[in-house]
Amino acid sequence: MAGIGKSTLIKQVRKQAAEEKIFDSVVMATASQTPNLRNIQGHIAGMLGLEFKEEDGTETRATKLCTRLMKVKSVLVILDDLWERLDLSLVGIPYGSEHTGCKILVATRDLNVCHAKQEAWALFRWSTGEIVESSPEFKIEASKLVGECGHVGVYP
């Protein structure tokens, strides 16, 4: 939904994560309705002190950005205002087992951009502890709840 404060919240998360030094680096880019890979790459690279050559194509930039991000032990990559699915590897953002210290936070108004039910369940279980699996009835209700919240944009 537009206008509910996603970008404001994202900026606050960025500020707090940086102030509390939760991550070694916190970087952010706004994708917008028509995402421009070069702009996204440029914003993230600039925050990391990485410079691209003007002639570098998006693939070269993605490789350089990924290499730079892999050198950071823990990094939060924030993508704000994402309107459509974005292949993180095309941007140069490592994720999952490729770089377990790289966490990605996505703000979007479109539920189809991020379907992360498995990650949502892992987060819910981590937050509640083993009690969530203490009984079949409780697990069913918890699964329903996570299903409702499973659209939260979280990449592992």
N, C-alpha and C. Protein backbone atom coordinates (compact mmCIF):
# COMPACT_ATOMS: atom_id res chain seq x y z
N MET A 1 0.84 -1.17 0.00
CA MET A 1 0.00 0.00 0.00
C MET A 1 0.89 1.24 0.00
N ALA A 2 0.52 2.20 -0.81
CA ALA A 2 1.29 3.44 -0.91
C ALA A 2 1.00 4.34 0.29
N GLY A 3 2.01 5.10 0.68
CA GLY A 3 1.82 6.15 1.68
C GLY A 3 1.66 5.72 3.12
N ILE A 4 2.08 4.49 3.44
CA ILE A 4 1.92 4.04 4.83
C ILE A 4 3.22 4.16 5.63
N GLY A 5 4.26 4.67 5.02
CA GLY A 5 5.50 4.92 5.75
C GLY A 5 6.60 3.89 5.57
N LYS A 6 6.54 3.11 4.49
CA LYS A 6 7.57 2.10 4.26
C LYS A 6 8.96 2.73 4.16
N SER A 7 9.08 3.77 3.35
CA SER A 7 10.38 4.41 3.16
C SER A 7 10.87 5.07 4.44
N THR A 8 9.97 5.67 5.19
CA THR A 8 10.35 6.29 6.47
C THR A 8 10.86 5.22 7.42
N LEU A 9 10.17 4.09 7.49
CA LEU A 9 10.59 2.99 8.35
C LEU A 9 11.94 2.45 7.90
N ILE A 10 12.11 2.27 6.61
CA ILE A 10 13.37 1.76 6.06
C ILE A 10 14.54 2.68 6.43
N LYS A 11 14.32 3.98 6.31
CA LYS A 11 15.37 4.95 6.66
C LYS A 11 15.72 4.86 8.15
N GLN A 12 14.71 4.66 8.97
CA GLN A 12 14.95 4.53 10.41
C GLN A 12 15.72 3.24 10.71
N VAL A 13 15.37 2.15 10.04
CA VAL A 13 16.09 0.89 10.21
C VAL A 13 17.56 1.08 9.82
N ARG A 14 17.77 1.75 8.70
CA ARG A 14 19.14 2.01 8.23
C ARG A 14 19.92 2.81 9.27
N LYS A 15 19.30 3.88 9.76
CA LYS A 15 19.96 4.74 10.75
C LYS A 15 20.29 3.97 12.02
N GLN A 16 19.32 3.23 12.54
CA GLN A 16 19.52 2.49 13.78
C GLN A 16 20.55 1.38 13.61
N ALA A 17 20.49 0.66 12.50
CA ALA A 17 21.47 -0.41 12.26
C ALA A 17 22.88 0.14 12.19
N ALA A 18 23.03 1.32 11.59
CA ALA A 18 24.35 1.94 11.49
C ALA A 18 24.81 2.46 12.86
N GLU A 19 23.91 3.13 13.57
CA GLU A 19 24.27 3.68 14.88
C GLU A 19 24.65 2.60 15.88
N GLU A 20 23.90 1.50 15.86
CA GLU A 20 24.16 0.43 16.82
C GLU A 20 25.22 -0.55 16.33
N LYS A 21 25.76 -0.29 15.15
CA LYS A 21 26.81 -1.13 14.56
C LYS A 21 26.42 -2.61 14.54
N ILE A 22 25.18 -2.85 14.15
CA ILE A 22 24.67 -4.21 14.05
C ILE A 22 25.36 -4.94 12.90
N PHE A 23 25.70 -4.19 11.86
CA PHE A 23 26.40 -4.72 10.69
C PHE A 23 27.68 -3.92 10.49
N ASP A 24 28.64 -4.54 9.82
CA ASP A 24 29.86 -3.82 9.49
C ASP A 24 29.56 -2.70 8.49
N SER A 25 28.63 -2.94 7.59
CA SER A 25 28.21 -1.94 6.60
C SER A 25 26.69 -2.00 6.43
N VAL A 26 26.10 -0.85 6.19
CA VAL A 26 24.68 -0.75 5.87
C VAL A 26 24.59 0.09 4.61
N VAL A 27 24.05 -0.48 3.54
CA VAL A 27 23.94 0.23 2.27
C VAL A 27 22.49 0.22 1.81
N MET A 28 22.14 1.22 0.99
CA MET A 28 20.75 1.36 0.60
C MET A 28 20.65 1.93 -0.81
N ALA A 29 19.63 1.46 -1.52
CA ALA A 29 19.32 2.00 -2.84
C ALA A 29 17.81 1.99 -3.03
N THR A 30 17.32 2.97 -3.75
CA THR A 30 15.91 3.03 -4.08
C THR A 30 15.74 2.50 -5.50
N ALA A 31 14.87 1.51 -5.64
CA ALA A 31 14.70 0.88 -6.95
C ALA A 31 13.70 1.64 -7.81
N SER A 32 12.57 2.02 -7.26
CA SER A 32 11.47 2.72 -7.92
C SER A 32 10.74 1.87 -8.96
N GLN A 33 9.76 2.48 -9.60
CA GLN A 33 8.87 1.74 -10.50
C GLN A 33 9.61 1.15 -11.69
N THR A 34 10.58 1.84 -12.21
CA THR A 34 11.38 1.31 -13.31
C THR A 34 12.83 1.20 -12.83
N PRO A 35 13.17 0.07 -12.21
CA PRO A 35 14.51 -0.07 -11.63
C PRO A 35 15.61 0.02 -12.68
N ASN A 36 16.61 0.79 -12.37
CA ASN A 36 17.76 0.96 -13.24
C ASN A 36 18.94 0.30 -12.53
N LEU A 37 19.41 -0.82 -13.08
CA LEU A 37 20.48 -1.58 -12.43
C LEU A 37 21.72 -0.73 -12.19
N ARG A 38 22.08 0.09 -13.16
CA ARG A 38 23.28 0.93 -13.03
C ARG A 38 23.14 1.90 -11.85
N ASN A 39 21.96 2.48 -11.69
CA ASN A 39 21.75 3.41 -10.58
C ASN A 39 21.80 2.69 -9.24
N ILE A 40 21.13 1.54 -9.17
CA ILE A 40 21.14 0.76 -7.93
C ILE A 40 22.57 0.35 -7.58
N GLN A 41 23.28 -0.17 -8.58
CA GLN A 41 24.67 -0.57 -8.36
C GLN A 41 25.51 0.63 -7.91
N GLY A 42 25.29 1.78 -8.54
CA GLY A 42 26.06 2.98 -8.22
C GLY A 42 25.84 3.46 -6.79
N HIS A 43 24.58 3.45 -6.35
CA HIS A 43 24.28 3.88 -4.98
C HIS A 43 24.94 2.97 -3.96
N ILE A 44 24.80 1.67 -4.17
CA ILE A 44 25.39 0.71 -3.23
C ILE A 44 26.91 0.81 -3.24
N ALA A 45 27.48 0.87 -4.44
CA ALA A 45 28.94 0.96 -4.56
C ALA A 45 29.47 2.22 -3.88
N GLY A 46 28.79 3.34 -4.08
CA GLY A 46 29.21 4.60 -3.47
C GLY A 46 29.27 4.51 -1.96
N MET A 47 28.31 3.84 -1.36
CA MET A 47 28.28 3.69 0.09
C MET A 47 29.40 2.78 0.60
N LEU A 48 29.91 1.95 -0.30
CA LEU A 48 30.99 1.03 0.06
C LEU A 48 32.37 1.59 -0.32
N GLY A 49 32.38 2.79 -0.92
CA GLY A 49 33.64 3.37 -1.36
C GLY A 49 34.18 2.73 -2.62
N LEU A 50 33.33 2.07 -3.38
CA LEU A 50 33.73 1.41 -4.62
C LEU A 50 33.38 2.31 -5.80
N GLU A 51 34.33 2.49 -6.68
CA GLU A 51 34.09 3.31 -7.86
C GLU A 51 34.10 2.44 -9.11
N PHE A 52 33.18 2.74 -10.00
CA PHE A 52 33.11 2.06 -11.28
C PHE A 52 33.69 2.97 -12.36
N LYS A 53 34.19 2.34 -13.42
CA LYS A 53 34.59 3.11 -14.60
C LYS A 53 33.34 3.36 -15.42
N GLU A 54 33.31 4.47 -16.10
CA GLU A 54 32.15 4.84 -16.91
C GLU A 54 31.83 3.77 -17.95
N GLU A 55 32.86 3.14 -18.47
CA GLU A 55 32.64 2.14 -19.52
C GLU A 55 32.23 0.76 -18.98
N ASP A 56 32.27 0.59 -17.68
CA ASP A 56 31.87 -0.69 -17.09
C ASP A 56 30.39 -0.96 -17.39
N GLY A 57 30.12 -2.12 -17.94
CA GLY A 57 28.74 -2.53 -18.19
C GLY A 57 28.12 -3.07 -16.91
N THR A 58 26.82 -3.35 -16.94
CA THR A 58 26.13 -3.80 -15.73
C THR A 58 26.69 -5.13 -15.23
N GLU A 59 27.12 -6.02 -16.13
CA GLU A 59 27.68 -7.30 -15.70
C GLU A 59 29.01 -7.11 -14.98
N THR A 60 29.86 -6.26 -15.52
CA THR A 60 31.15 -5.97 -14.89
C THR A 60 30.93 -5.31 -13.54
N ARG A 61 30.00 -4.35 -13.51
CA ARG A 61 29.69 -3.67 -12.26
C ARG A 61 29.16 -4.66 -11.22
N ALA A 62 28.30 -5.59 -11.66
CA ALA A 62 27.74 -6.60 -10.75
C ALA A 62 28.86 -7.46 -10.16
N THR A 63 29.80 -7.85 -10.99
CA THR A 63 30.91 -8.68 -10.52
C THR A 63 31.75 -7.91 -9.50
N LYS A 64 32.06 -6.66 -9.81
CA LYS A 64 32.86 -5.84 -8.89
C LYS A 64 32.11 -5.59 -7.58
N LEU A 65 30.82 -5.32 -7.68
CA LEU A 65 30.03 -5.06 -6.49
C LEU A 65 29.94 -6.31 -5.62
N CYS A 66 29.70 -7.44 -6.25
CA CYS A 66 29.62 -8.70 -5.50
C CYS A 66 30.94 -9.00 -4.80
N THR A 67 32.03 -8.81 -5.51
CA THR A 67 33.36 -9.04 -4.93
C THR A 67 33.58 -8.15 -3.71
N ARG A 68 33.17 -6.89 -3.83
CA ARG A 68 33.32 -5.94 -2.72
C ARG A 68 32.44 -6.34 -1.54
N LEU A 69 31.19 -6.69 -1.81
CA LEU A 69 30.28 -7.09 -0.74
C LEU A 69 30.75 -8.37 -0.04
N MET A 70 31.36 -9.27 -0.78
CA MET A 70 31.85 -10.52 -0.20
C MET A 70 32.98 -10.26 0.80
N LYS A 71 33.66 -9.13 0.67
CA LYS A 71 34.75 -8.79 1.58
C LYS A 71 34.25 -8.24 2.91
N VAL A 72 32.97 -7.87 2.96
CA VAL A 72 32.41 -7.32 4.19
C VAL A 72 31.82 -8.48 4.99
N LYS A 73 32.26 -8.63 6.24
CA LYS A 73 31.83 -9.76 7.06
C LYS A 73 30.31 -9.77 7.25
N SER A 74 29.74 -8.60 7.61
CA SER A 74 28.29 -8.52 7.77
C SER A 74 27.80 -7.22 7.15
N VAL A 75 26.82 -7.35 6.28
CA VAL A 75 26.32 -6.18 5.57
C VAL A 75 24.80 -6.28 5.43
N LEU A 76 24.14 -5.15 5.62
CA LEU A 76 22.71 -5.05 5.38
C LEU A 76 22.52 -4.26 4.11
N VAL A 77 21.88 -4.88 3.14
CA VAL A 77 21.56 -4.22 1.87
C VAL A 77 20.07 -3.92 1.88
N ILE A 78 19.73 -2.65 1.78
CA ILE A 78 18.34 -2.23 1.81
C ILE A 78 17.93 -1.78 0.40
N LEU A 79 16.87 -2.39 -0.10
CA LEU A 79 16.30 -2.00 -1.39
C LEU A 79 14.91 -1.45 -1.13
N ASP A 80 14.77 -0.17 -1.34
CA ASP A 80 13.51 0.52 -1.06
C ASP A 80 12.71 0.70 -2.34
N ASP A 81 11.40 0.66 -2.20
CA ASP A 81 10.46 0.96 -3.28
C ASP A 81 10.64 0.04 -4.50
N LEU A 82 10.72 -1.24 -4.23
CA LEU A 82 10.87 -2.23 -5.30
C LEU A 82 9.48 -2.58 -5.85
N TRP A 83 9.28 -2.37 -7.13
CA TRP A 83 7.97 -2.57 -7.76
C TRP A 83 7.84 -3.92 -8.46
N GLU A 84 8.97 -4.55 -8.73
CA GLU A 84 8.92 -5.85 -9.41
C GLU A 84 10.08 -6.70 -8.92
N ARG A 85 9.97 -8.00 -9.18
CA ARG A 85 11.04 -8.91 -8.75
C ARG A 85 12.36 -8.47 -9.38
N LEU A 86 13.40 -8.58 -8.60
CA LEU A 86 14.72 -8.14 -9.03
C LEU A 86 15.69 -9.29 -8.80
N ASP A 87 16.39 -9.66 -9.85
CA ASP A 87 17.40 -10.70 -9.74
C ASP A 87 18.63 -10.09 -9.06
N LEU A 88 18.83 -10.45 -7.81
CA LEU A 88 19.91 -9.86 -7.03
C LEU A 88 21.28 -10.10 -7.65
N SER A 89 21.45 -11.24 -8.31
CA SER A 89 22.75 -11.52 -8.93
C SER A 89 23.05 -10.57 -10.09
N LEU A 90 22.02 -10.07 -10.77
CA LEU A 90 22.24 -9.08 -11.84
C LEU A 90 22.71 -7.75 -11.28
N VAL A 91 22.32 -7.46 -10.05
CA VAL A 91 22.77 -6.23 -9.39
C VAL A 91 24.18 -6.44 -8.85
N GLY A 92 24.46 -7.65 -8.37
CA GLY A 92 25.76 -7.94 -7.76
C GLY A 92 25.64 -8.12 -6.26
N ILE A 93 24.44 -8.47 -5.81
CA ILE A 93 24.20 -8.66 -4.39
C ILE A 93 24.22 -10.15 -4.07
N PRO A 94 25.21 -10.61 -3.29
CA PRO A 94 25.25 -12.03 -2.91
C PRO A 94 24.18 -12.30 -1.86
N TYR A 95 23.63 -13.50 -1.88
CA TYR A 95 22.59 -13.84 -0.91
C TYR A 95 22.61 -15.33 -0.63
N GLY A 96 21.89 -15.71 0.41
CA GLY A 96 21.81 -17.12 0.78
C GLY A 96 23.16 -17.65 1.21
N SER A 97 23.47 -18.86 0.82
CA SER A 97 24.72 -19.50 1.22
C SER A 97 25.93 -18.88 0.52
N GLU A 98 25.67 -18.06 -0.50
CA GLU A 98 26.77 -17.39 -1.20
C GLU A 98 27.52 -16.44 -0.24
N HIS A 99 26.76 -15.79 0.65
CA HIS A 99 27.35 -14.88 1.64
C HIS A 99 26.36 -14.78 2.80
N THR A 100 26.56 -15.61 3.81
CA THR A 100 25.62 -15.67 4.93
C THR A 100 25.62 -14.40 5.78
N GLY A 101 26.64 -13.56 5.64
CA GLY A 101 26.68 -12.32 6.39
C GLY A 101 25.99 -11.17 5.68
N CYS A 102 25.48 -11.42 4.49
CA CYS A 102 24.78 -10.40 3.72
C CYS A 102 23.28 -10.59 3.90
N LYS A 103 22.64 -9.61 4.51
CA LYS A 103 21.19 -9.65 4.72
C LYS A 103 20.55 -8.59 3.86
N ILE A 104 19.41 -8.91 3.30
CA ILE A 104 18.73 -8.00 2.38
C ILE A 104 17.35 -7.68 2.93
N LEU A 105 17.06 -6.38 3.00
CA LEU A 105 15.77 -5.90 3.43
C LEU A 105 15.12 -5.20 2.24
N VAL A 106 13.91 -5.63 1.92
CA VAL A 106 13.21 -5.09 0.75
C VAL A 106 11.90 -4.44 1.19
N ALA A 107 11.65 -3.23 0.71
CA ALA A 107 10.37 -2.57 0.92
C ALA A 107 9.66 -2.51 -0.43
N THR A 108 8.44 -3.02 -0.45
CA THR A 108 7.67 -3.05 -1.69
C THR A 108 6.20 -2.87 -1.39
N ARG A 109 5.46 -2.41 -2.37
CA ARG A 109 4.01 -2.30 -2.21
C ARG A 109 3.30 -3.46 -2.90
N ASP A 110 4.05 -4.33 -3.55
CA ASP A 110 3.47 -5.43 -4.31
C ASP A 110 3.82 -6.76 -3.64
N LEU A 111 2.82 -7.45 -3.15
CA LEU A 111 3.03 -8.72 -2.46
C LEU A 111 3.69 -9.78 -3.34
N ASN A 112 3.55 -9.64 -4.66
CA ASN A 112 4.13 -10.63 -5.58
C ASN A 112 5.64 -10.48 -5.73
N VAL A 113 6.19 -9.38 -5.26
CA VAL A 113 7.63 -9.16 -5.38
C VAL A 113 8.40 -10.11 -4.47
N CYS A 114 7.90 -10.33 -3.29
CA CYS A 114 8.60 -11.15 -2.30
C CYS A 114 7.68 -12.19 -1.71
N HIS A 115 7.92 -13.42 -2.05
CA HIS A 115 7.23 -14.53 -1.38
C HIS A 115 8.31 -15.28 -0.62
N ALA A 116 8.25 -15.19 0.67
CA ALA A 116 9.32 -15.75 1.49
C ALA A 116 8.75 -16.55 2.65
N LYS A 117 7.87 -17.49 2.35
CA LYS A 117 7.21 -18.23 3.43
C LYS A 117 8.19 -19.06 4.25
N GLN A 118 9.16 -19.66 3.60
CA GLN A 118 10.13 -20.47 4.34
C GLN A 118 10.93 -19.59 5.30
N GLU A 119 11.35 -18.42 4.82
CA GLU A 119 12.10 -17.51 5.66
C GLU A 119 11.22 -16.94 6.77
N ALA A 120 9.95 -16.67 6.44
CA ALA A 120 9.02 -16.14 7.44
C ALA A 120 8.83 -17.16 8.56
N TRP A 121 8.72 -18.44 8.21
CA TRP A 121 8.56 -19.48 9.22
C TRP A 121 9.82 -19.57 10.08
N ALA A 122 10.99 -19.50 9.47
CA ALA A 122 12.24 -19.56 10.23
C ALA A 122 12.34 -18.38 11.20
N LEU A 123 11.94 -17.19 10.74
CA LEU A 123 11.97 -16.02 11.61
C LEU A 123 10.97 -16.17 12.75
N PHE A 124 9.77 -16.66 12.45
CA PHE A 124 8.75 -16.85 13.47
C PHE A 124 9.21 -17.87 14.50
N ARG A 125 9.76 -18.98 14.04
CA ARG A 125 10.24 -20.03 14.95
C ARG A 125 11.38 -19.51 15.82
N TRP A 126 12.28 -18.74 15.22
CA TRP A 126 13.38 -18.16 15.98
C TRP A 126 12.84 -17.21 17.05
N SER A 127 11.82 -16.42 16.68
CA SER A 127 11.26 -15.44 17.62
C SER A 127 10.50 -16.09 18.76
N THR A 128 9.80 -17.18 18.47
CA THR A 128 8.95 -17.80 19.48
C THR A 128 9.62 -18.95 20.21
N GLY A 129 10.65 -19.49 19.63
CA GLY A 129 11.32 -20.63 20.23
C GLY A 129 10.62 -21.94 19.85
N GLU A 130 10.99 -23.00 20.52
CA GLU A 130 10.48 -24.32 20.17
C GLU A 130 9.02 -24.52 20.54
N ILE A 131 8.46 -23.60 21.30
CA ILE A 131 7.06 -23.74 21.70
C ILE A 131 6.14 -23.83 20.49
N VAL A 132 6.56 -23.20 19.39
CA VAL A 132 5.73 -23.19 18.19
C VAL A 132 5.47 -24.60 17.66
N GLU A 133 6.34 -25.52 18.00
CA GLU A 133 6.18 -26.90 17.53
C GLU A 133 5.79 -27.84 18.67
N SER A 134 5.30 -27.27 19.77
CA SER A 134 4.99 -28.08 20.94
C SER A 134 3.74 -28.94 20.76
N SER A 135 2.82 -28.52 19.92
CA SER A 135 1.63 -29.33 19.69
C SER A 135 1.18 -29.15 18.25
N PRO A 136 0.56 -30.18 17.67
CA PRO A 136 0.10 -30.08 16.28
C PRO A 136 -0.91 -28.94 16.09
N GLU A 137 -1.78 -28.73 17.06
CA GLU A 137 -2.78 -27.66 16.94
C GLU A 137 -2.12 -26.29 16.91
N PHE A 138 -1.16 -26.11 17.80
CA PHE A 138 -0.47 -24.83 17.87
C PHE A 138 0.32 -24.59 16.58
N LYS A 139 0.94 -25.64 16.07
CA LYS A 139 1.73 -25.51 14.84
C LYS A 139 0.83 -25.14 13.66
N ILE A 140 -0.37 -25.70 13.60
CA ILE A 140 -1.31 -25.38 12.53
C ILE A 140 -1.69 -23.90 12.59
N GLU A 141 -2.03 -23.42 13.79
CA GLU A 141 -2.40 -22.01 13.94
C GLU A 141 -1.22 -21.09 13.63
N ALA A 142 -0.04 -21.49 14.09
CA ALA A 142 1.16 -20.69 13.82
C ALA A 142 1.44 -20.65 12.32
N SER A 143 1.24 -21.77 11.64
CA SER A 143 1.45 -21.82 10.18
C SER A 143 0.49 -20.89 9.46
N LYS A 144 -0.75 -20.82 9.93
CA LYS A 144 -1.72 -19.90 9.33
C LYS A 144 -1.26 -18.45 9.50
N LEU A 145 -0.78 -18.14 10.69
CA LEU A 145 -0.30 -16.79 10.97
C LEU A 145 0.90 -16.45 10.08
N VAL A 146 1.83 -17.36 10.00
CA VAL A 146 3.01 -17.12 9.17
C VAL A 146 2.61 -17.01 7.70
N GLY A 147 1.62 -17.78 7.28
CA GLY A 147 1.13 -17.69 5.91
C GLY A 147 0.61 -16.30 5.59
N GLU A 148 -0.04 -15.68 6.56
CA GLU A 148 -0.53 -14.32 6.38
C GLU A 148 0.62 -13.32 6.32
N CYS A 149 1.67 -13.61 7.06
CA CYS A 149 2.80 -12.69 7.12
C CYS A 149 3.92 -13.11 6.18
N GLY A 150 3.75 -14.19 5.46
CA GLY A 150 4.79 -14.76 4.62
C GLY A 150 5.18 -13.90 3.44
N HIS A 151 4.49 -12.79 3.25
CA HIS A 151 4.81 -11.91 2.14
C HIS A 151 5.85 -10.88 2.51
N VAL A 152 6.36 -10.95 3.74
CA VAL A 152 7.37 -10.02 4.17
C VAL A 152 8.61 -10.25 3.31
N GLY A 153 9.18 -9.19 2.82
CA GLY A 153 10.31 -9.29 1.90
C GLY A 153 11.61 -9.58 2.59
N VAL A 154 11.91 -10.81 2.81
CA VAL A 154 13.13 -11.19 3.48
C VAL A 154 13.84 -12.22 2.62
N TYR A 155 15.06 -11.94 2.28
CA TYR A 155 15.90 -12.92 1.60
C TYR A 155 16.85 -13.47 2.63
N PRO A 156 17.15 -14.73 2.58
CA PRO A 156 18.07 -15.29 3.58
C PRO A 156 19.45 -14.69 3.47
